[in-house]
Amino acid sequence: MFTAVDQLPKTARKLLEGSWAQTFYDEYFSKIDEKVSSVLYSDKKSDPNTPANILMGFETLKSGFG
């Protein structure tokens, strides 16, 4: 499976991999357990459900960067 990162030129990918964003993804974002917040999701196919790891990641970044 290809990701958006795979589409980047080599130089941009290397910069990304050496930035805080890669560390944030590896150490925090990818370890968020979405099952904990699954009770908040709707079972209806028509209702939008933003993944919990994205919401929690945004809140973490917001609190860290003010």
N, C-alpha and C. Protein backbone atom coordinates (compact mmCIF):
# COMPACT_ATOMS: atom_id res chain seq x y z
N MET A 1 0.84 -1.17 0.00
CA MET A 1 0.00 0.00 0.00
C MET A 1 0.89 1.24 0.00
N PHE A 2 0.55 2.19 -0.84
CA PHE A 2 1.32 3.43 -0.94
C PHE A 2 0.69 4.51 -0.08
N THR A 3 1.53 5.33 0.50
CA THR A 3 1.06 6.46 1.31
C THR A 3 1.46 7.76 0.63
N ALA A 4 0.99 8.86 1.17
CA ALA A 4 1.36 10.17 0.63
C ALA A 4 2.87 10.40 0.72
N VAL A 5 3.48 9.84 1.75
CA VAL A 5 4.93 9.99 1.91
C VAL A 5 5.67 9.31 0.77
N ASP A 6 5.15 8.19 0.30
CA ASP A 6 5.78 7.48 -0.81
C ASP A 6 5.78 8.30 -2.09
N GLN A 7 4.87 9.24 -2.20
CA GLN A 7 4.74 10.06 -3.39
C GLN A 7 5.71 11.25 -3.40
N LEU A 8 6.33 11.52 -2.26
CA LEU A 8 7.25 12.66 -2.15
C LEU A 8 8.57 12.38 -2.87
N PRO A 9 9.20 13.44 -3.37
CA PRO A 9 10.56 13.27 -3.92
C PRO A 9 11.51 12.82 -2.81
N LYS A 10 12.61 12.19 -3.18
CA LYS A 10 13.55 11.65 -2.19
C LYS A 10 14.03 12.71 -1.21
N THR A 11 14.34 13.90 -1.69
CA THR A 11 14.85 14.95 -0.80
C THR A 11 13.80 15.36 0.22
N ALA A 12 12.56 15.51 -0.21
CA ALA A 12 11.48 15.88 0.72
C ALA A 12 11.22 14.77 1.72
N ARG A 13 11.26 13.52 1.26
CA ARG A 13 11.05 12.38 2.15
C ARG A 13 12.15 12.31 3.21
N LYS A 14 13.37 12.58 2.80
CA LYS A 14 14.50 12.56 3.74
C LYS A 14 14.35 13.66 4.79
N LEU A 15 13.92 14.85 4.38
CA LEU A 15 13.68 15.94 5.33
C LEU A 15 12.58 15.57 6.31
N LEU A 16 11.51 14.97 5.81
CA LEU A 16 10.40 14.58 6.67
C LEU A 16 10.83 13.53 7.68
N GLU A 17 11.57 12.54 7.21
CA GLU A 17 12.01 11.46 8.10
C GLU A 17 12.95 11.97 9.19
N GLY A 18 13.65 13.07 8.95
CA GLY A 18 14.55 13.62 9.95
C GLY A 18 13.92 14.69 10.82
N SER A 19 12.64 14.95 10.62
CA SER A 19 11.97 16.02 11.36
C SER A 19 11.26 15.48 12.60
N TRP A 20 10.72 16.40 13.39
CA TRP A 20 9.96 16.02 14.58
C TRP A 20 8.68 15.28 14.20
N ALA A 21 8.18 15.51 12.99
CA ALA A 21 6.93 14.88 12.56
C ALA A 21 7.06 13.36 12.53
N GLN A 22 8.20 12.87 12.07
CA GLN A 22 8.40 11.42 12.03
C GLN A 22 8.47 10.84 13.44
N THR A 23 9.16 11.53 14.33
CA THR A 23 9.24 11.09 15.72
C THR A 23 7.87 11.10 16.37
N PHE A 24 7.09 12.15 16.12
CA PHE A 24 5.73 12.24 16.66
C PHE A 24 4.90 11.06 16.18
N TYR A 25 5.00 10.74 14.90
CA TYR A 25 4.24 9.62 14.35
C TYR A 25 4.69 8.30 14.98
N ASP A 26 5.99 8.07 15.01
CA ASP A 26 6.52 6.80 15.51
C ASP A 26 6.27 6.59 17.01
N GLU A 27 6.48 7.63 17.79
CA GLU A 27 6.45 7.51 19.25
C GLU A 27 5.07 7.76 19.88
N TYR A 28 4.19 8.45 19.18
CA TYR A 28 2.91 8.80 19.79
C TYR A 28 1.71 8.43 18.92
N PHE A 29 1.62 9.01 17.75
CA PHE A 29 0.44 8.89 16.90
C PHE A 29 0.11 7.43 16.56
N SER A 30 1.10 6.68 16.16
CA SER A 30 0.85 5.29 15.74
C SER A 30 0.51 4.37 16.91
N LYS A 31 0.71 4.84 18.14
CA LYS A 31 0.43 4.01 19.32
C LYS A 31 -0.90 4.34 19.99
N ILE A 32 -1.66 5.29 19.43
CA ILE A 32 -2.95 5.64 20.01
C ILE A 32 -3.93 4.50 19.74
N ASP A 33 -4.54 3.98 20.78
CA ASP A 33 -5.50 2.88 20.67
C ASP A 33 -6.90 3.45 20.44
N GLU A 34 -7.39 3.32 19.22
CA GLU A 34 -8.71 3.87 18.88
C GLU A 34 -9.85 3.05 19.47
N LYS A 35 -9.58 1.85 19.92
CA LYS A 35 -10.64 1.02 20.50
C LYS A 35 -11.21 1.65 21.76
N VAL A 36 -10.38 2.39 22.48
CA VAL A 36 -10.81 3.04 23.72
C VAL A 36 -11.95 4.02 23.45
N SER A 37 -11.89 4.71 22.34
CA SER A 37 -12.91 5.72 22.03
C SER A 37 -13.96 5.22 21.03
N SER A 38 -13.99 3.94 20.75
CA SER A 38 -14.92 3.41 19.76
C SER A 38 -16.38 3.60 20.15
N VAL A 39 -16.67 3.75 21.44
CA VAL A 39 -18.05 3.97 21.87
C VAL A 39 -18.58 5.31 21.39
N LEU A 40 -17.69 6.21 21.00
CA LEU A 40 -18.10 7.53 20.51
C LEU A 40 -18.48 7.52 19.03
N TYR A 41 -18.14 6.45 18.33
CA TYR A 41 -18.40 6.36 16.90
C TYR A 41 -19.84 5.97 16.62
N SER A 42 -20.33 6.42 15.49
CA SER A 42 -21.66 6.05 15.04
C SER A 42 -21.56 4.80 14.16
N ASP A 43 -22.54 3.92 14.27
CA ASP A 43 -22.59 2.74 13.42
C ASP A 43 -23.23 3.03 12.07
N LYS A 44 -23.88 4.17 11.95
CA LYS A 44 -24.54 4.53 10.69
C LYS A 44 -23.48 4.89 9.65
N LYS A 45 -23.66 4.36 8.45
CA LYS A 45 -22.70 4.60 7.37
C LYS A 45 -22.70 6.06 6.92
N SER A 46 -23.81 6.77 7.10
CA SER A 46 -23.91 8.14 6.61
C SER A 46 -23.30 9.17 7.55
N ASP A 47 -23.04 8.79 8.80
CA ASP A 47 -22.50 9.75 9.76
C ASP A 47 -20.98 9.83 9.64
N PRO A 48 -20.44 11.04 9.64
CA PRO A 48 -18.98 11.16 9.55
C PRO A 48 -18.32 10.75 10.86
N ASN A 49 -17.25 10.02 10.76
CA ASN A 49 -16.47 9.61 11.92
C ASN A 49 -15.01 9.96 11.66
N THR A 50 -14.52 10.97 12.34
CA THR A 50 -13.11 11.31 12.24
C THR A 50 -12.33 10.35 13.14
N PRO A 51 -11.28 9.72 12.62
CA PRO A 51 -10.52 8.78 13.45
C PRO A 51 -10.02 9.43 14.74
N ALA A 52 -10.13 8.70 15.82
CA ALA A 52 -9.76 9.21 17.14
C ALA A 52 -8.28 9.57 17.21
N ASN A 53 -7.43 8.81 16.53
CA ASN A 53 -6.00 9.12 16.60
C ASN A 53 -5.69 10.47 15.98
N ILE A 54 -6.44 10.86 14.96
CA ILE A 54 -6.24 12.18 14.35
C ILE A 54 -6.68 13.27 15.31
N LEU A 55 -7.84 13.11 15.92
CA LEU A 55 -8.32 14.11 16.87
C LEU A 55 -7.39 14.24 18.08
N MET A 56 -6.95 13.10 18.62
CA MET A 56 -6.05 13.14 19.77
C MET A 56 -4.69 13.70 19.39
N GLY A 57 -4.22 13.38 18.21
CA GLY A 57 -2.95 13.93 17.75
C GLY A 57 -3.01 15.44 17.60
N PHE A 58 -4.11 15.95 17.02
CA PHE A 58 -4.29 17.40 16.88
C PHE A 58 -4.32 18.08 18.24
N GLU A 59 -5.04 17.49 19.18
CA GLU A 59 -5.13 18.09 20.52
C GLU A 59 -3.77 18.10 21.20
N THR A 60 -3.00 17.05 21.02
CA THR A 60 -1.66 16.99 21.60
C THR A 60 -0.76 18.07 21.00
N LEU A 61 -0.80 18.20 19.67
CA LEU A 61 0.00 19.23 19.02
C LEU A 61 -0.45 20.63 19.45
N LYS A 62 -1.76 20.81 19.54
CA LYS A 62 -2.30 22.12 19.94
C LYS A 62 -1.82 22.49 21.34
N SER A 63 -1.86 21.55 22.26
CA SER A 63 -1.44 21.85 23.63
C SER A 63 0.07 22.06 23.72
N GLY A 64 0.81 21.40 22.85
CA GLY A 64 2.26 21.55 22.88
C GLY A 64 2.77 22.81 22.21
N PHE A 65 2.05 23.27 21.19
CA PHE A 65 2.48 24.45 20.45
C PHE A 65 1.65 25.68 20.76
N GLY A 66 0.65 25.53 21.63
CA GLY A 66 -0.16 26.65 22.10
C GLY A 66 -1.08 27.17 21.09
